[in-house]
């Protein structure tokens, strides 16, 4: 049985995983023949998948410092993903309704 303190951790893991899946689907729909789009989509893929990976690393950390560092990396990756999505949207390389 799951106690209340474990529930938010599980939800965050699930949300990060689902976010990465949504980003994958979004990237698959982009025009890979466009060089700029291809480069940006690779950066987006790295940063978006890094969120969940760093969150899992944070929860497995052996010290509070490990947890804080990895959780901080996850937050930085989320901010980076937001940047790449905005760039794709504002450059017209992605549909505004999907970003």
PDB file of N, CA and C in Angstrom:
ATOM      1  N   UNK A   1       0.829  -1.182   0.000  1.00  0.00           N
ATOM      2  CA  UNK A   1       0.000   0.000   0.000  1.00  0.00           C
ATOM      3  C   UNK A   1       0.873   1.245   0.000  1.00  0.00           C
ATOM      4  N   UNK A   2       0.456   2.235  -0.663  1.00  0.00           N
ATOM      5  CA  UNK A   2       1.216   3.465  -0.850  1.00  0.00           C
ATOM      6  C   UNK A   2       0.784   4.504   0.185  1.00  0.00           C
ATOM      7  N   UNK A   3       1.769   5.068   0.904  1.00  0.00           N
ATOM      8  CA  UNK A   3       1.391   6.109   1.855  1.00  0.00           C
ATOM      9  C   UNK A   3       1.347   7.464   1.161  1.00  0.00           C
ATOM     10  N   UNK A   4       0.834   8.465   1.852  1.00  0.00           N
ATOM     11  CA  UNK A   4       0.618   9.785   1.242  1.00  0.00           C
ATOM     12  C   UNK A   4       1.907  10.464   0.792  1.00  0.00           C
ATOM     13  N   UNK A   5       3.027  10.212   1.482  1.00  0.00           N
ATOM     14  CA  UNK A   5       4.274  10.875   1.095  1.00  0.00           C
ATOM     15  C   UNK A   5       4.854  10.291  -0.188  1.00  0.00           C
ATOM     16  N   UNK A   6       4.504   9.058  -0.532  1.00  0.00           N
ATOM     17  CA  UNK A   6       4.993   8.438  -1.766  1.00  0.00           C
ATOM     18  C   UNK A   6       4.153   8.824  -2.975  1.00  0.00           C
ATOM     19  N   UNK A   7       2.908   9.230  -2.755  1.00  0.00           N
ATOM     20  CA  UNK A   7       1.992   9.530  -3.847  1.00  0.00           C
ATOM     21  C   UNK A   7       2.493  10.650  -4.761  1.00  0.00           C
ATOM     22  N   UNK A   8       2.937  11.805  -4.237  1.00  0.00           N
ATOM     23  CA  UNK A   8       3.441  12.860  -5.135  1.00  0.00           C
ATOM     24  C   UNK A   8       4.651  12.417  -5.956  1.00  0.00           C
ATOM     25  N   UNK A   9       5.532  11.585  -5.365  1.00  0.00           N
ATOM     26  CA  UNK A   9       6.700  11.100  -6.101  1.00  0.00           C
ATOM     27  C   UNK A   9       6.263  10.274  -7.300  1.00  0.00           C
ATOM     28  N   UNK A  10       5.297   9.396  -7.070  1.00  0.00           N
ATOM     29  CA  UNK A  10       4.791   8.552  -8.145  1.00  0.00           C
ATOM     30  C   UNK A  10       4.127   9.408  -9.213  1.00  0.00           C
ATOM     31  N   UNK A  11       3.361  10.389  -8.803  1.00  0.00           N
ATOM     32  CA  UNK A  11       2.704  11.251  -9.760  1.00  0.00           C
ATOM     33  C   UNK A  11       3.719  12.023 -10.589  1.00  0.00           C
ATOM     34  N   UNK A  12       4.771  12.512  -9.975  1.00  0.00           N
ATOM     35  CA  UNK A  12       5.795  13.248 -10.704  1.00  0.00           C
ATOM     36  C   UNK A  12       6.502  12.336 -11.707  1.00  0.00           C
ATOM     37  N   UNK A  13       6.815  11.120 -11.293  1.00  0.00           N
ATOM     38  CA  UNK A  13       7.429  10.160 -12.214  1.00  0.00           C
ATOM     39  C   UNK A  13       6.526   9.907 -13.412  1.00  0.00           C
ATOM     40  N   UNK A  14       5.252   9.687 -13.134  1.00  0.00           N
ATOM     41  CA  UNK A  14       4.298   9.414 -14.206  1.00  0.00           C
ATOM     42  C   UNK A  14       4.154  10.619 -15.123  1.00  0.00           C
ATOM     43  N   UNK A  15       4.074  11.793 -14.540  1.00  0.00           N
ATOM     44  CA  UNK A  15       3.911  13.005 -15.349  1.00  0.00           C
ATOM     45  C   UNK A  15       5.139  13.237 -16.229  1.00  0.00           C
ATOM     46  N   UNK A  16       6.329  13.023 -15.680  1.00  0.00           N
ATOM     47  CA  UNK A  16       7.554  13.206 -16.471  1.00  0.00           C
ATOM     48  C   UNK A  16       7.617  12.187 -17.610  1.00  0.00           C
ATOM     49  N   UNK A  17       7.190  10.966 -17.324  1.00  0.00           N
ATOM     50  CA  UNK A  17       7.191   9.918 -18.337  1.00  0.00           C
ATOM     51  C   UNK A  17       6.191  10.241 -19.451  1.00  0.00           C
ATOM     52  N   UNK A  18       4.986  10.637 -19.073  1.00  0.00           N
ATOM     53  CA  UNK A  18       3.970  10.988 -20.066  1.00  0.00           C
ATOM     54  C   UNK A  18       4.377  12.214 -20.875  1.00  0.00           C
ATOM     55  N   UNK A  19       5.028  13.165 -20.230  1.00  0.00           N
ATOM     56  CA  UNK A  19       5.533  14.352 -20.934  1.00  0.00           C
ATOM     57  C   UNK A  19       6.550  13.931 -21.993  1.00  0.00           C
ATOM     58  N   UNK A  20       7.473  13.043 -21.631  1.00  0.00           N
ATOM     59  CA  UNK A  20       8.477  12.573 -22.593  1.00  0.00           C
ATOM     60  C   UNK A  20       7.803  11.872 -23.771  1.00  0.00           C
ATOM     61  N   UNK A  21       6.780  11.082 -23.501  1.00  0.00           N
ATOM     62  CA  UNK A  21       6.050  10.419 -24.588  1.00  0.00           C
ATOM     63  C   UNK A  21       5.359  11.430 -25.502  1.00  0.00           C
ATOM     64  N   UNK A  22       4.762  12.454 -24.918  1.00  0.00           N
ATOM     65  CA  UNK A  22       4.110  13.499 -25.724  1.00  0.00           C
ATOM     66  C   UNK A  22       5.135  14.234 -26.590  1.00  0.00           C
ATOM     67  N   UNK A  23       6.295  14.498 -26.040  1.00  0.00           N
ATOM     68  CA  UNK A  23       7.353  15.174 -26.797  1.00  0.00           C
ATOM     69  C   UNK A  23       7.806  14.286 -27.958  1.00  0.00           C
ATOM     70  N   UNK A  24       7.939  12.993 -27.706  1.00  0.00           N
ATOM     71  CA  UNK A  24       8.313  12.070 -28.787  1.00  0.00           C
ATOM     72  C   UNK A  24       7.302  12.132 -29.929  1.00  0.00           C
ATOM     73  N   UNK A  25       6.032  12.070 -29.597  1.00  0.00           N
ATOM     74  CA  UNK A  25       4.984  12.139 -30.630  1.00  0.00           C
ATOM     75  C   UNK A  25       5.036  13.475 -31.367  1.00  0.00           C
ATOM     76  N   UNK A  26       5.264  14.544 -30.626  1.00  0.00           N
ATOM     77  CA  UNK A  26       5.366  15.872 -31.220  1.00  0.00           C
ATOM     78  C   UNK A  26       6.544  15.933 -32.192  1.00  0.00           C
ATOM     79  N   UNK A  27       7.686  15.403 -31.778  1.00  0.00           N
ATOM     80  CA  UNK A  27       8.888  15.428 -32.615  1.00  0.00           C
ATOM     81  C   UNK A  27       8.695  14.590 -33.876  1.00  0.00           C
ATOM     82  N   UNK A  28       8.037  13.437 -33.739  1.00  0.00           N
ATOM     83  CA  UNK A  28       7.803  12.584 -34.900  1.00  0.00           C
ATOM     84  C   UNK A  28       6.994  13.307 -35.979  1.00  0.00           C
ATOM     85  N   UNK A  29       6.175  14.261 -35.566  1.00  0.00           N
ATOM     86  CA  UNK A  29       5.321  14.982 -36.519  1.00  0.00           C
ATOM     87  C   UNK A  29       6.040  16.151 -37.197  1.00  0.00           C
ATOM     88  N   UNK A  30       7.238  16.497 -36.737  1.00  0.00           N
ATOM     89  CA  UNK A  30       7.977  17.627 -37.325  1.00  0.00           C
ATOM     90  C   UNK A  30       8.652  17.242 -38.636  1.00  0.00           C
ATOM     91  N   UNK A  31       8.967  18.237 -39.434  1.00  0.00           N
ATOM     92  CA  UNK A  31       9.663  18.042 -40.708  1.00  0.00           C
ATOM     93  C   UNK A  31      11.153  17.837 -40.445  1.00  0.00           C
ATOM     94  N   UNK A  32      11.607  16.592 -40.538  1.00  0.00           N
ATOM     95  CA  UNK A  32      13.018  16.281 -40.257  1.00  0.00           C
ATOM     96  C   UNK A  32      13.948  16.687 -41.398  1.00  0.00           C
ATOM     97  N   UNK A  33      13.365  16.996 -42.557  1.00  0.00           N
ATOM     98  CA  UNK A  33      14.196  17.401 -43.695  1.00  0.00           C
ATOM     99  C   UNK A  33      14.743  18.807 -43.507  1.00  0.00           C
ATOM    100  N   UNK A  34      14.056  19.602 -42.698  1.00  0.00           N
ATOM    101  CA  UNK A  34      14.518  20.954 -42.389  1.00  0.00           C
ATOM    102  C   UNK A  34      15.650  20.846 -41.371  1.00  0.00           C
ATOM    103  N   UNK A  35      16.827  21.333 -41.739  1.00  0.00           N
ATOM    104  CA  UNK A  35      18.012  21.180 -40.898  1.00  0.00           C
ATOM    105  C   UNK A  35      17.831  21.812 -39.520  1.00  0.00           C
ATOM    106  N   UNK A  36      17.326  23.027 -39.467  1.00  0.00           N
ATOM    107  CA  UNK A  36      17.135  23.713 -38.191  1.00  0.00           C
ATOM    108  C   UNK A  36      16.157  22.986 -37.283  1.00  0.00           C
ATOM    109  N   UNK A  37      15.071  22.518 -37.859  1.00  0.00           N
ATOM    110  CA  UNK A  37      14.079  21.774 -37.093  1.00  0.00           C
ATOM    111  C   UNK A  37      14.680  20.488 -36.545  1.00  0.00           C
ATOM    112  N   UNK A  38      15.483  19.836 -37.354  1.00  0.00           N
ATOM    113  CA  UNK A  38      16.124  18.597 -36.927  1.00  0.00           C
ATOM    114  C   UNK A  38      17.054  18.828 -35.733  1.00  0.00           C
ATOM    115  N   UNK A  39      17.852  19.879 -35.803  1.00  0.00           N
ATOM    116  CA  UNK A  39      18.787  20.192 -34.719  1.00  0.00           C
ATOM    117  C   UNK A  39      18.031  20.533 -33.436  1.00  0.00           C
ATOM    118  N   UNK A  40      17.032  21.390 -33.552  1.00  0.00           N
ATOM    119  CA  UNK A  40      16.265  21.808 -32.371  1.00  0.00           C
ATOM    120  C   UNK A  40      15.486  20.637 -31.789  1.00  0.00           C
ATOM    121  N   UNK A  41      14.927  19.791 -32.642  1.00  0.00           N
ATOM    122  CA  UNK A  41      14.149  18.657 -32.133  1.00  0.00           C
ATOM    123  C   UNK A  41      15.041  17.675 -31.370  1.00  0.00           C
ATOM    124  N   UNK A  42      16.294  17.536 -31.783  1.00  0.00           N
ATOM    125  CA  UNK A  42      17.221  16.671 -31.036  1.00  0.00           C
ATOM    126  C   UNK A  42      17.514  17.251 -29.662  1.00  0.00           C
ATOM    127  N   UNK A  43      17.685  18.561 -29.600  1.00  0.00           N
ATOM    128  CA  UNK A  43      17.917  19.224 -28.320  1.00  0.00           C
ATOM    129  C   UNK A  43      16.684  19.073 -27.428  1.00  0.00           C
ATOM    130  N   UNK A  44      15.509  19.243 -28.011  1.00  0.00           N
ATOM    131  CA  UNK A  44      14.261  19.097 -27.261  1.00  0.00           C
ATOM    132  C   UNK A  44      14.128  17.680 -26.723  1.00  0.00           C
ATOM    133  N   UNK A  45      14.434  16.700 -27.543  1.00  0.00           N
ATOM    134  CA  UNK A  45      14.349  15.305 -27.109  1.00  0.00           C
ATOM    135  C   UNK A  45      15.280  15.052 -25.919  1.00  0.00           C
ATOM    136  N   UNK A  46      16.492  15.555 -25.999  1.00  0.00           N
ATOM    137  CA  UNK A  46      17.447  15.365 -24.898  1.00  0.00           C
ATOM    138  C   UNK A  46      16.951  16.003 -23.603  1.00  0.00           C
ATOM    139  N   UNK A  47      16.515  17.249 -23.706  1.00  0.00           N
ATOM    140  CA  UNK A  47      16.101  17.945 -22.486  1.00  0.00           C
ATOM    141  C   UNK A  47      14.805  17.366 -21.910  1.00  0.00           C
ATOM    142  N   UNK A  48      13.861  17.012 -22.767  1.00  0.00           N
ATOM    143  CA  UNK A  48      12.573  16.497 -22.288  1.00  0.00           C
ATOM    144  C   UNK A  48      12.715  15.133 -21.616  1.00  0.00           C
ATOM    145  N   UNK A  49      13.535  14.269 -22.168  1.00  0.00           N
ATOM    146  CA  UNK A  49      13.722  12.944 -21.566  1.00  0.00           C
ATOM    147  C   UNK A  49      14.613  13.022 -20.333  1.00  0.00           C
ATOM    148  N   UNK A  50      15.424  14.052 -20.263  1.00  0.00           N
ATOM    149  CA  UNK A  50      16.299  14.237 -19.108  1.00  0.00           C
ATOM    150  C   UNK A  50      15.513  14.571 -17.839  1.00  0.00           C
ATOM    151  N   UNK A  51      14.351  15.168 -17.978  1.00  0.00           N
ATOM    152  CA  UNK A  51      13.541  15.537 -16.810  1.00  0.00           C
ATOM    153  C   UNK A  51      13.222  14.293 -15.975  1.00  0.00           C
ATOM    154  N   UNK A  52      12.646  13.303 -16.605  1.00  0.00           N
ATOM    155  CA  UNK A  52      12.288  12.078 -15.896  1.00  0.00           C
ATOM    156  C   UNK A  52      13.492  11.313 -15.391  1.00  0.00           C
ATOM    157  N   UNK A  53      14.535  11.248 -16.212  1.00  0.00           N
ATOM    158  CA  UNK A  53      15.735  10.518 -15.807  1.00  0.00           C
ATOM    159  C   UNK A  53      16.370  11.149 -14.572  1.00  0.00           C
ATOM    160  N   UNK A  54      16.458  12.464 -14.553  1.00  0.00           N
ATOM    161  CA  UNK A  54      17.051  13.131 -13.395  1.00  0.00           C
ATOM    162  C   UNK A  54      16.152  13.058 -12.166  1.00  0.00           C
ATOM    163  N   UNK A  55      14.856  13.045 -12.375  1.00  0.00           N
ATOM    164  CA  UNK A  55      13.935  12.870 -11.254  1.00  0.00           C
ATOM    165  C   UNK A  55      14.124  11.505 -10.602  1.00  0.00           C
ATOM    166  N   UNK A  56      14.263  10.473 -11.406  1.00  0.00           N
ATOM    167  CA  UNK A  56      14.490   9.125 -10.877  1.00  0.00           C
ATOM    168  C   UNK A  56      15.830   9.060 -10.150  1.00  0.00           C
ATOM    169  N   UNK A  57      16.851   9.675 -10.730  1.00  0.00           N
ATOM    170  CA  UNK A  57      18.160   9.726 -10.072  1.00  0.00           C
ATOM    171  C   UNK A  57      18.071  10.454  -8.734  1.00  0.00           C
ATOM    172  N   UNK A  58      17.290  11.532  -8.693  1.00  0.00           N
ATOM    173  CA  UNK A  58      17.133  12.304  -7.450  1.00  0.00           C
ATOM    174  C   UNK A  58      16.532  11.431  -6.355  1.00  0.00           C
ATOM    175  N   UNK A  59      15.518  10.671  -6.711  1.00  0.00           N
ATOM    176  CA  UNK A  59      14.848   9.831  -5.720  1.00  0.00           C
ATOM    177  C   UNK A  59      15.718   8.665  -5.265  1.00  0.00           C
ATOM    178  N   UNK A  60      16.693   8.302  -6.086  1.00  0.00           N
ATOM    179  CA  UNK A  60      17.603   7.219  -5.716  1.00  0.00           C
ATOM    180  C   UNK A  60      18.876   7.748  -5.056  1.00  0.00           C
ATOM    181  N   UNK A  61      18.980   9.057  -4.916  1.00  0.00           N
ATOM    182  CA  UNK A  61      20.177   9.656  -4.332  1.00  0.00           C
ATOM    183  C   UNK A  61      20.423   9.194  -2.913  1.00  0.00           C
ATOM    184  N   UNK A  62      21.683   9.060  -2.578  1.00  0.00           N
ATOM    185  CA  UNK A  62      22.039   8.549  -1.253  1.00  0.00           C
ATOM    186  C   UNK A  62      22.102   9.658  -0.200  1.00  0.00           C
ATOM    187  N   UNK A  63      22.133  10.896  -0.626  1.00  0.00           N
ATOM    188  CA  UNK A  63      22.182  12.015   0.318  1.00  0.00           C
ATOM    189  C   UNK A  63      21.187  13.092  -0.115  1.00  0.00           C
ATOM    190  N   UNK A  64      20.922  14.014   0.798  1.00  0.00           N
ATOM    191  CA  UNK A  64      20.046  15.139   0.447  1.00  0.00           C
ATOM    192  C   UNK A  64      20.678  15.981  -0.650  1.00  0.00           C
ATOM    193  N   UNK A  65      22.000  16.087  -0.623  1.00  0.00           N
ATOM    194  CA  UNK A  65      22.699  16.863  -1.653  1.00  0.00           C
ATOM    195  C   UNK A  65      22.508  16.210  -3.027  1.00  0.00           C
ATOM    196  N   UNK A  66      22.617  14.880  -3.100  1.00  0.00           N
ATOM    197  CA  UNK A  66      22.358  14.159  -4.355  1.00  0.00           C
ATOM    198  C   UNK A  66      20.940  14.452  -4.851  1.00  0.00           C
ATOM    199  N   UNK A  67      19.983  14.329  -3.939  1.00  0.00           N
ATOM    200  CA  UNK A  67      18.591  14.577  -4.303  1.00  0.00           C
ATOM    201  C   UNK A  67      18.433  15.986  -4.858  1.00  0.00           C
ATOM    202  N   UNK A  68      18.961  16.964  -4.138  1.00  0.00           N
ATOM    203  CA  UNK A  68      18.828  18.365  -4.549  1.00  0.00           C
ATOM    204  C   UNK A  68      19.484  18.620  -5.899  1.00  0.00           C
ATOM    205  N   UNK A  69      20.677  18.076  -6.092  1.00  0.00           N
ATOM    206  CA  UNK A  69      21.387  18.281  -7.357  1.00  0.00           C
ATOM    207  C   UNK A  69      20.625  17.696  -8.539  1.00  0.00           C
ATOM    208  N   UNK A  70      20.186  16.454  -8.429  1.00  0.00           N
ATOM    209  CA  UNK A  70      19.496  15.816  -9.544  1.00  0.00           C
ATOM    210  C   UNK A  70      18.130  16.452  -9.791  1.00  0.00           C
ATOM    211  N   UNK A  71      17.448  16.834  -8.715  1.00  0.00           N
ATOM    212  CA  UNK A  71      16.164  17.498  -8.885  1.00  0.00           C
ATOM    213  C   UNK A  71      16.356  18.856  -9.561  1.00  0.00           C
ATOM    214  N   UNK A  72      17.447  19.528  -9.225  1.00  0.00           N
ATOM    215  CA  UNK A  72      17.783  20.804  -9.859  1.00  0.00           C
ATOM    216  C   UNK A  72      18.058  20.608 -11.348  1.00  0.00           C
ATOM    217  N   UNK A  73      18.749  19.527 -11.704  1.00  0.00           N
ATOM    218  CA  UNK A  73      19.005  19.230 -13.120  1.00  0.00           C
ATOM    219  C   UNK A  73      17.692  18.980 -13.859  1.00  0.00           C
ATOM    220  N   UNK A  74      16.755  18.289 -13.196  1.00  0.00           N
ATOM    221  CA  UNK A  74      15.452  18.028 -13.814  1.00  0.00           C
ATOM    222  C   UNK A  74      14.725  19.344 -14.091  1.00  0.00           C
ATOM    223  N   UNK A  75      14.771  20.262 -13.144  1.00  0.00           N
ATOM    224  CA  UNK A  75      14.130  21.560 -13.329  1.00  0.00           C
ATOM    225  C   UNK A  75      14.788  22.345 -14.467  1.00  0.00           C
ATOM    226  N   UNK A  76      16.113  22.299 -14.526  1.00  0.00           N
ATOM    227  CA  UNK A  76      16.832  22.989 -15.602  1.00  0.00           C
ATOM    228  C   UNK A  76      16.475  22.391 -16.963  1.00  0.00           C
ATOM    229  N   UNK A  77      16.326  21.084 -17.015  1.00  0.00           N
ATOM    230  CA  UNK A  77      15.936  20.428 -18.263  1.00  0.00           C
ATOM    231  C   UNK A  77      14.519  20.824 -18.672  1.00  0.00           C
ATOM    232  N   UNK A  78      13.631  20.983 -17.693  1.00  0.00           N
ATOM    233  CA  UNK A  78      12.267  21.421 -17.996  1.00  0.00           C
ATOM    234  C   UNK A  78      12.279  22.831 -18.572  1.00  0.00           C
ATOM    235  N   UNK A  79      13.081  23.698 -17.996  1.00  0.00           N
ATOM    236  CA  UNK A  79      13.192  25.065 -18.513  1.00  0.00           C
ATOM    237  C   UNK A  79      13.802  25.082 -19.909  1.00  0.00           C
ATOM    238  N   UNK A  80      14.773  24.213 -20.143  1.00  0.00           N
ATOM    239  CA  UNK A  80      15.386  24.124 -21.466  1.00  0.00           C
ATOM    240  C   UNK A  80      14.359  23.623 -22.491  1.00  0.00           C
ATOM    241  N   UNK A  81      13.564  22.651 -22.111  1.00  0.00           N
ATOM    242  CA  UNK A  81      12.532  22.135 -23.007  1.00  0.00           C
ATOM    243  C   UNK A  81      11.548  23.233 -23.383  1.00  0.00           C
ATOM    244  N   UNK A  82      11.187  24.041 -22.412  1.00  0.00           N
ATOM    245  CA  UNK A  82      10.273  25.164 -22.663  1.00  0.00           C
ATOM    246  C   UNK A  82      10.879  26.119 -23.692  1.00  0.00           C
ATOM    247  N   UNK A  83      12.178  26.360 -23.596  1.00  0.00           N
ATOM    248  CA  UNK A  83      12.869  27.220 -24.553  1.00  0.00           C
ATOM    249  C   UNK A  83      12.788  26.645 -25.964  1.00  0.00           C
ATOM    250  N   UNK A  84      13.114  25.345 -26.129  1.00  0.00           N
ATOM    251  CA  UNK A  84      13.111  24.720 -27.453  1.00  0.00           C
ATOM    252  C   UNK A  84      11.706  24.692 -28.044  1.00  0.00           C
ATOM    253  N   UNK A  85      10.699  24.413 -27.220  1.00  0.00           N
ATOM    254  CA  UNK A  85       9.322  24.419 -27.712  1.00  0.00           C
ATOM    255  C   UNK A  85       8.914  25.812 -28.185  1.00  0.00           C
ATOM    256  N   UNK A  86       9.278  26.818 -27.428  1.00  0.00           N
ATOM    257  CA  UNK A  86       8.970  28.197 -27.816  1.00  0.00           C
ATOM    258  C   UNK A  86       9.658  28.581 -29.114  1.00  0.00           C
ATOM    259  N   UNK A  87      10.896  28.149 -29.266  1.00  0.00           N
ATOM    260  CA  UNK A  87      11.646  28.453 -30.479  1.00  0.00           C
ATOM    261  C   UNK A  87      11.007  27.804 -31.701  1.00  0.00           C
ATOM    262  N   UNK A  88      10.594  26.552 -31.558  1.00  0.00           N
ATOM    263  CA  UNK A  88       9.912  25.872 -32.665  1.00  0.00           C
ATOM    264  C   UNK A  88       8.596  26.561 -32.996  1.00  0.00           C
ATOM    265  N   UNK A  89       7.859  26.934 -31.984  1.00  0.00           N
ATOM    266  CA  UNK A  89       6.568  27.604 -32.192  1.00  0.00           C
ATOM    267  C   UNK A  89       6.754  28.961 -32.854  1.00  0.00           C
ATOM    268  N   UNK A  90       7.629  29.788 -32.297  1.00  0.00           N
ATOM    269  CA  UNK A  90       7.770  31.167 -32.769  1.00  0.00           C
ATOM    270  C   UNK A  90       8.491  31.277 -34.107  1.00  0.00           C
ATOM    271  N   UNK A  91       9.237  30.244 -34.479  1.00  0.00           N
ATOM    272  CA  UNK A  91       9.899  30.246 -35.780  1.00  0.00           C
ATOM    273  C   UNK A  91       8.980  29.721 -36.884  1.00  0.00           C
ATOM    274  N   UNK A  92       7.809  29.229 -36.486  1.00  0.00           N
ATOM    275  CA  UNK A  92       6.862  28.697 -37.471  1.00  0.00           C
ATOM    276  C   UNK A  92       7.167  27.272 -37.884  1.00  0.00           C
ATOM    277  N   UNK A  93       8.097  26.622 -37.201  1.00  0.00           N
ATOM    278  CA  UNK A  93       8.472  25.250 -37.560  1.00  0.00           C
ATOM    279  C   UNK A  93       7.513  24.224 -36.963  1.00  0.00           C
ATOM    280  N   UNK A  94       6.694  24.658 -35.999  1.00  0.00           N
ATOM    281  CA  UNK A  94       5.735  23.747 -35.372  1.00  0.00           C
ATOM    282  C   UNK A  94       4.384  24.447 -35.295  1.00  0.00           C
ATOM    283  N   UNK A  95       3.362  23.657 -35.317  1.00  0.00           N
ATOM    284  CA  UNK A  95       1.997  24.160 -35.218  1.00  0.00           C
ATOM    285  C   UNK A  95       1.793  24.806 -33.846  1.00  0.00           C
ATOM    286  N   UNK A  96       1.354  26.051 -33.832  1.00  0.00           N
ATOM    287  CA  UNK A  96       1.151  26.788 -32.581  1.00  0.00           C
ATOM    288  C   UNK A  96       0.157  26.103 -31.645  1.00  0.00           C
ATOM    289  N   UNK A  97      -0.770  25.356 -32.176  1.00  0.00           N
ATOM    290  CA  UNK A  97      -1.778  24.709 -31.335  1.00  0.00           C
ATOM    291  C   UNK A  97      -1.234  23.465 -30.649  1.00  0.00           C
ATOM    292  N   UNK A  98      -0.084  22.970 -31.085  1.00  0.00           N
ATOM    293  CA  UNK A  98       0.472  21.748 -30.515  1.00  0.00           C
ATOM    294  C   UNK A  98       1.652  22.005 -29.600  1.00  0.00           C
ATOM    295  N   UNK A  99       2.120  23.252 -29.475  1.00  0.00           N
ATOM    296  CA  UNK A  99       3.249  23.547 -28.600  1.00  0.00           C
ATOM    297  C   UNK A  99       2.791  24.172 -27.317  1.00  0.00           C
TER     298      UNK A  99
END
